[in-house]
Amino acid sequence: MAGLTTRDIEGYNEQLQSDAQFLCSDQRMDAELVDRLVLQLNRIYPQILNDKEACKFRRLSVPTKVRLPELLKYLRAKGEEACHEFYRALHIHAEEVYASLPTRIRQRGPMFFLSCFSLVVGIAVLYYYGEGETLRSTGAFLHCSAAKLSKDAKDVFISYAEVGKQIL
């Protein structure tokens, strides 16, 4: 747990409480995934989940819809560090579930939307109102802007920059 500060793990217990209902109702949280999460916590952090506890939460004779809520309740009782490590394990083993957690969606919410919307508006303004000199100078900007974007977005930006150079 080296490198983690109280600030880094603050609030994971509350987040897990908020996400518990979603996790328990999500069909992607099947027996195999719960088993992998328990194994991750047991092998990497035996102080959070020892062998005896791991066997309890891996017992296949008990339905997943019973084991998972018990596991989440147990982790919340263990504290912030245990909840944080559960989220890390979930992120490693089921990124799509992790990304769709209610607490993750709220964190991305309005600021994510506003930043994407602002980027689109900026590009639209450049496209519709850009004149010769403006388009010529935006090429380098678009190449640099594309550095942190997905492959598809990079392709759009770079092709726009190249088309703009050819038109001028």
C-alpha atoms as a PDB file:
ATOM      1  CA  MET A   1       0.000   0.000   0.000  1.00  0.00           C
ATOM      2  CA  ALA A   2       3.056   2.245  -0.278  1.00  0.00           C
ATOM      3  CA  GLY A   3       2.389   5.640  -1.770  1.00  0.00           C
ATOM      4  CA  LEU A   4      -1.280   5.868  -0.779  1.00  0.00           C
ATOM      5  CA  THR A   5      -2.270   8.798   1.359  1.00  0.00           C
ATOM      6  CA  THR A   6      -5.433   9.275   3.372  1.00  0.00           C
ATOM      7  CA  ARG A   7      -6.562  11.735   0.711  1.00  0.00           C
ATOM      8  CA  ASP A   8      -6.173   9.096  -2.034  1.00  0.00           C
ATOM      9  CA  ILE A   9      -8.437   6.565  -0.346  1.00  0.00           C
ATOM     10  CA  GLU A  10     -10.836   8.980   1.313  1.00  0.00           C
ATOM     11  CA  GLY A  11     -14.452   8.135   0.640  1.00  0.00           C
ATOM     12  CA  TYR A  12     -14.114   4.623  -0.834  1.00  0.00           C
ATOM     13  CA  ASN A  13     -16.220   3.193   1.979  1.00  0.00           C
ATOM     14  CA  GLU A  14     -19.051   5.599   1.148  1.00  0.00           C
ATOM     15  CA  GLN A  15     -18.618   4.969  -2.565  1.00  0.00           C
ATOM     16  CA  LEU A  16     -18.912   1.238  -2.024  1.00  0.00           C
ATOM     17  CA  GLN A  17     -22.060   1.797  -0.019  1.00  0.00           C
ATOM     18  CA  SER A  18     -23.503   3.826  -2.920  1.00  0.00           C
ATOM     19  CA  ASP A  19     -22.365   1.327  -5.560  1.00  0.00           C
ATOM     20  CA  ALA A  20     -23.386  -1.833  -3.662  1.00  0.00           C
ATOM     21  CA  GLN A  21     -26.922  -2.010  -5.020  1.00  0.00           C
ATOM     22  CA  PHE A  22     -25.700  -1.533  -8.588  1.00  0.00           C
ATOM     23  CA  LEU A  23     -22.987  -4.159  -8.168  1.00  0.00           C
ATOM     24  CA  CYS A  24     -25.390  -6.688  -6.660  1.00  0.00           C
ATOM     25  CA  SER A  25     -27.917  -6.215  -9.453  1.00  0.00           C
ATOM     26  CA  ASP A  26     -25.487  -6.095 -12.408  1.00  0.00           C
ATOM     27  CA  GLN A  27     -25.547  -9.358 -14.378  1.00  0.00           C
ATOM     28  CA  ARG A  28     -21.862  -8.944 -15.240  1.00  0.00           C
ATOM     29  CA  MET A  29     -21.001  -9.573 -11.579  1.00  0.00           C
ATOM     30  CA  ASP A  30     -21.221 -13.336 -12.040  1.00  0.00           C
ATOM     31  CA  ALA A  31     -19.677 -16.154  -9.993  1.00  0.00           C
ATOM     32  CA  GLU A  32     -16.486 -16.162 -12.062  1.00  0.00           C
ATOM     33  CA  LEU A  33     -15.869 -12.430 -11.645  1.00  0.00           C
ATOM     34  CA  VAL A  34     -16.609 -12.487  -7.908  1.00  0.00           C
ATOM     35  CA  ASP A  35     -14.202 -15.418  -7.600  1.00  0.00           C
ATOM     36  CA  ARG A  36     -11.446 -13.474  -9.413  1.00  0.00           C
ATOM     37  CA  LEU A  37     -12.012 -10.434  -7.185  1.00  0.00           C
ATOM     38  CA  VAL A  38     -11.815 -12.552  -4.032  1.00  0.00           C
ATOM     39  CA  LEU A  39      -8.641 -14.244  -5.282  1.00  0.00           C
ATOM     40  CA  GLN A  40      -7.059 -10.881  -6.106  1.00  0.00           C
ATOM     41  CA  LEU A  41      -7.802  -9.531  -2.653  1.00  0.00           C
ATOM     42  CA  ASN A  42      -6.637 -12.739  -0.981  1.00  0.00           C
ATOM     43  CA  ARG A  43      -3.386 -13.153  -2.909  1.00  0.00           C
ATOM     44  CA  ILE A  44      -2.295  -9.543  -3.099  1.00  0.00           C
ATOM     45  CA  TYR A  45      -3.713  -8.272   0.208  1.00  0.00           C
ATOM     46  CA  PRO A  46      -4.092 -11.183   2.652  1.00  0.00           C
ATOM     47  CA  GLN A  47      -4.399  -8.644   5.467  1.00  0.00           C
ATOM     48  CA  ILE A  48      -7.721  -7.610   3.877  1.00  0.00           C
ATOM     49  CA  LEU A  49      -8.974 -11.076   2.991  1.00  0.00           C
ATOM     50  CA  ASN A  50      -7.209 -14.066   4.581  1.00  0.00           C
ATOM     51  CA  ASP A  51      -7.462 -17.655   3.326  1.00  0.00           C
ATOM     52  CA  LYS A  52     -10.374 -18.628   5.571  1.00  0.00           C
ATOM     53  CA  GLU A  53     -12.396 -15.568   4.557  1.00  0.00           C
ATOM     54  CA  ALA A  54     -11.547 -16.079   0.882  1.00  0.00           C
ATOM     55  CA  CYS A  55     -12.825 -19.674   1.054  1.00  0.00           C
ATOM     56  CA  LYS A  56     -16.067 -18.380   2.564  1.00  0.00           C
ATOM     57  CA  PHE A  57     -16.623 -15.877  -0.265  1.00  0.00           C
ATOM     58  CA  ARG A  58     -15.594 -18.404  -2.959  1.00  0.00           C
ATOM     59  CA  ARG A  59     -18.012 -21.122  -1.826  1.00  0.00           C
ATOM     60  CA  LEU A  60     -19.901 -22.000  -5.021  1.00  0.00           C
ATOM     61  CA  SER A  61     -22.674 -23.759  -3.095  1.00  0.00           C
ATOM     62  CA  VAL A  62     -23.795 -20.283  -1.992  1.00  0.00           C
ATOM     63  CA  PRO A  63     -25.374 -18.234  -4.827  1.00  0.00           C
ATOM     64  CA  THR A  64     -23.455 -15.203  -6.056  1.00  0.00           C
ATOM     65  CA  LYS A  65     -26.405 -12.941  -5.219  1.00  0.00           C
ATOM     66  CA  VAL A  66     -25.835 -13.915  -1.559  1.00  0.00           C
ATOM     67  CA  ARG A  67     -22.007 -14.002  -1.538  1.00  0.00           C
ATOM     68  CA  LEU A  68     -21.486 -10.641  -3.234  1.00  0.00           C
ATOM     69  CA  PRO A  69     -23.516  -8.532  -0.767  1.00  0.00           C
ATOM     70  CA  GLU A  70     -21.773 -10.330   2.101  1.00  0.00           C
ATOM     71  CA  LEU A  71     -18.374  -9.586   0.552  1.00  0.00           C
ATOM     72  CA  LEU A  72     -19.209  -5.902   0.080  1.00  0.00           C
ATOM     73  CA  LYS A  73     -20.505  -5.636   3.640  1.00  0.00           C
ATOM     74  CA  TYR A  74     -17.362  -7.356   4.929  1.00  0.00           C
ATOM     75  CA  LEU A  75     -15.075  -5.004   2.974  1.00  0.00           C
ATOM     76  CA  ARG A  76     -16.929  -1.935   4.215  1.00  0.00           C
ATOM     77  CA  ALA A  77     -16.485  -3.172   7.785  1.00  0.00           C
ATOM     78  CA  LYS A  78     -12.724  -3.617   7.129  1.00  0.00           C
ATOM     79  CA  GLY A  79     -12.410   0.062   6.209  1.00  0.00           C
ATOM     80  CA  GLU A  80     -11.260   2.451   3.528  1.00  0.00           C
ATOM     81  CA  GLU A  81      -8.196   0.503   2.428  1.00  0.00           C
ATOM     82  CA  ALA A  82     -10.201  -2.689   1.823  1.00  0.00           C
ATOM     83  CA  CYS A  83     -12.825  -0.783  -0.181  1.00  0.00           C
ATOM     84  CA  HIS A  84     -10.114   0.926  -2.214  1.00  0.00           C
ATOM     85  CA  GLU A  85      -8.471  -2.390  -3.053  1.00  0.00           C
ATOM     86  CA  PHE A  86     -11.825  -3.836  -4.088  1.00  0.00           C
ATOM     87  CA  TYR A  87     -12.229  -0.970  -6.572  1.00  0.00           C
ATOM     88  CA  ARG A  88      -8.704  -1.569  -7.875  1.00  0.00           C
ATOM     89  CA  ALA A  89      -9.436  -5.269  -8.359  1.00  0.00           C
ATOM     90  CA  LEU A  90     -12.720  -4.455 -10.082  1.00  0.00           C
ATOM     91  CA  HIS A  91     -10.938  -2.019 -12.394  1.00  0.00           C
ATOM     92  CA  ILE A  92      -8.360  -4.683 -13.296  1.00  0.00           C
ATOM     93  CA  HIS A  93     -10.768  -7.575 -13.834  1.00  0.00           C
ATOM     94  CA  ALA A  94     -13.911  -5.828 -15.125  1.00  0.00           C
ATOM     95  CA  GLU A  95     -13.132  -2.398 -16.493  1.00  0.00           C
ATOM     96  CA  GLU A  96     -16.547  -2.092 -18.176  1.00  0.00           C
ATOM     97  CA  VAL A  97     -18.328  -2.701 -14.850  1.00  0.00           C
ATOM     98  CA  TYR A  98     -15.970  -0.297 -13.078  1.00  0.00           C
ATOM     99  CA  ALA A  99     -16.580   2.440 -15.655  1.00  0.00           C
ATOM    100  CA  SER A 100     -20.359   2.103 -15.342  1.00  0.00           C
ATOM    101  CA  LEU A 101     -20.491   2.393 -11.551  1.00  0.00           C
ATOM    102  CA  PRO A 102     -22.871   5.133 -10.381  1.00  0.00           C
ATOM    103  CA  THR A 103     -20.099   6.880  -8.441  1.00  0.00           C
ATOM    104  CA  ARG A 104     -17.796   6.850 -11.497  1.00  0.00           C
ATOM    105  CA  ILE A 105     -20.494   8.283 -13.763  1.00  0.00           C
ATOM    106  CA  ARG A 106     -21.202  11.095 -11.289  1.00  0.00           C
ATOM    107  CA  GLN A 107     -17.505  11.963 -11.148  1.00  0.00           C
ATOM    108  CA  ARG A 108     -17.355  12.333 -14.937  1.00  0.00           C
ATOM    109  CA  GLY A 109     -20.792  13.961 -15.204  1.00  0.00           C
ATOM    110  CA  PRO A 110     -21.146  17.638 -16.105  1.00  0.00           C
ATOM    111  CA  MET A 111     -17.470  18.568 -16.382  1.00  0.00           C
ATOM    112  CA  PHE A 112     -16.819  15.754 -18.829  1.00  0.00           C
ATOM    113  CA  PHE A 113     -19.801  16.840 -20.921  1.00  0.00           C
ATOM    114  CA  LEU A 114     -18.795  20.508 -20.823  1.00  0.00           C
ATOM    115  CA  SER A 115     -15.216  19.798 -21.850  1.00  0.00           C
ATOM    116  CA  CYS A 116     -16.326  17.633 -24.800  1.00  0.00           C
ATOM    117  CA  PHE A 117     -18.956  20.169 -25.822  1.00  0.00           C
ATOM    118  CA  SER A 118     -16.419  23.019 -25.664  1.00  0.00           C
ATOM    119  CA  LEU A 119     -14.000  21.105 -27.855  1.00  0.00           C
ATOM    120  CA  VAL A 120     -16.686  20.434 -30.463  1.00  0.00           C
ATOM    121  CA  VAL A 121     -17.830  24.064 -30.453  1.00  0.00           C
ATOM    122  CA  GLY A 122     -14.231  25.240 -30.901  1.00  0.00           C
ATOM    123  CA  ILE A 123     -13.707  22.960 -33.864  1.00  0.00           C
ATOM    124  CA  ALA A 124     -17.027  24.021 -35.396  1.00  0.00           C
ATOM    125  CA  VAL A 125     -16.087  27.691 -35.069  1.00  0.00           C
ATOM    126  CA  LEU A 126     -12.725  27.043 -36.745  1.00  0.00           C
ATOM    127  CA  TYR A 127     -14.384  25.063 -39.513  1.00  0.00           C
ATOM    128  CA  TYR A 128     -17.224  27.451 -40.332  1.00  0.00           C
ATOM    129  CA  TYR A 129     -15.596  30.817 -39.702  1.00  0.00           C
ATOM    130  CA  GLY A 130     -11.969  30.069 -40.456  1.00  0.00           C
ATOM    131  CA  GLU A 131     -10.495  31.967 -43.332  1.00  0.00           C
ATOM    132  CA  GLY A 132      -7.287  31.393 -45.249  1.00  0.00           C
ATOM    133  CA  GLU A 133      -4.759  32.524 -42.656  1.00  0.00           C
ATOM    134  CA  THR A 134      -6.761  31.074 -39.763  1.00  0.00           C
ATOM    135  CA  LEU A 135      -6.940  27.632 -41.361  1.00  0.00           C
ATOM    136  CA  ARG A 136      -3.238  27.684 -42.186  1.00  0.00           C
ATOM    137  CA  SER A 137      -2.306  28.367 -38.560  1.00  0.00           C
ATOM    138  CA  THR A 138      -4.714  25.782 -37.081  1.00  0.00           C
ATOM    139  CA  GLY A 139      -2.951  22.808 -38.687  1.00  0.00           C
ATOM    140  CA  ALA A 140      -0.138  22.654 -36.148  1.00  0.00           C
ATOM    141  CA  PHE A 141      -2.609  23.277 -33.321  1.00  0.00           C
ATOM    142  CA  LEU A 142      -4.786  20.357 -34.427  1.00  0.00           C
ATOM    143  CA  HIS A 143      -1.790  18.025 -34.692  1.00  0.00           C
ATOM    144  CA  CYS A 144      -0.780  18.903 -31.114  1.00  0.00           C
ATOM    145  CA  SER A 145      -4.357  18.718 -29.851  1.00  0.00           C
ATOM    146  CA  ALA A 146      -4.742  15.215 -31.207  1.00  0.00           C
ATOM    147  CA  ALA A 147      -1.952  13.867 -28.997  1.00  0.00           C
ATOM    148  CA  LYS A 148      -4.202  12.873 -26.065  1.00  0.00           C
ATOM    149  CA  LEU A 149      -7.250  11.762 -28.058  1.00  0.00           C
ATOM    150  CA  SER A 150      -8.446   8.357 -29.180  1.00  0.00           C
ATOM    151  CA  LYS A 151      -7.279   6.963 -32.504  1.00  0.00           C
ATOM    152  CA  ASP A 152     -10.527   7.881 -34.292  1.00  0.00           C
ATOM    153  CA  ALA A 153     -10.515  11.438 -32.970  1.00  0.00           C
ATOM    154  CA  LYS A 154      -6.844  11.824 -33.953  1.00  0.00           C
ATOM    155  CA  ASP A 155      -7.658  10.689 -37.486  1.00  0.00           C
ATOM    156  CA  VAL A 156     -10.452  13.265 -37.783  1.00  0.00           C
ATOM    157  CA  PHE A 157      -8.320  16.112 -36.447  1.00  0.00           C
ATOM    158  CA  ILE A 158      -5.285  15.285 -38.536  1.00  0.00           C
ATOM    159  CA  SER A 159      -7.296  14.750 -41.722  1.00  0.00           C
ATOM    160  CA  TYR A 160      -9.024  18.095 -41.130  1.00  0.00           C
ATOM    161  CA  ALA A 161      -5.650  19.776 -40.709  1.00  0.00           C
ATOM    162  CA  GLU A 162      -4.331  18.171 -43.891  1.00  0.00           C
ATOM    163  CA  VAL A 163      -7.442  19.081 -45.927  1.00  0.00           C
ATOM    164  CA  GLY A 164      -7.214  22.636 -44.643  1.00  0.00           C
ATOM    165  CA  LYS A 165      -3.601  22.904 -45.871  1.00  0.00           C
ATOM    166  CA  GLN A 166      -4.536  21.534 -49.302  1.00  0.00           C
ATOM    167  CA  ILE A 167      -7.427  23.977 -49.723  1.00  0.00           C
ATOM    168  CA  LEU A 168      -5.155  26.913 -49.042  1.00  0.00           C
END
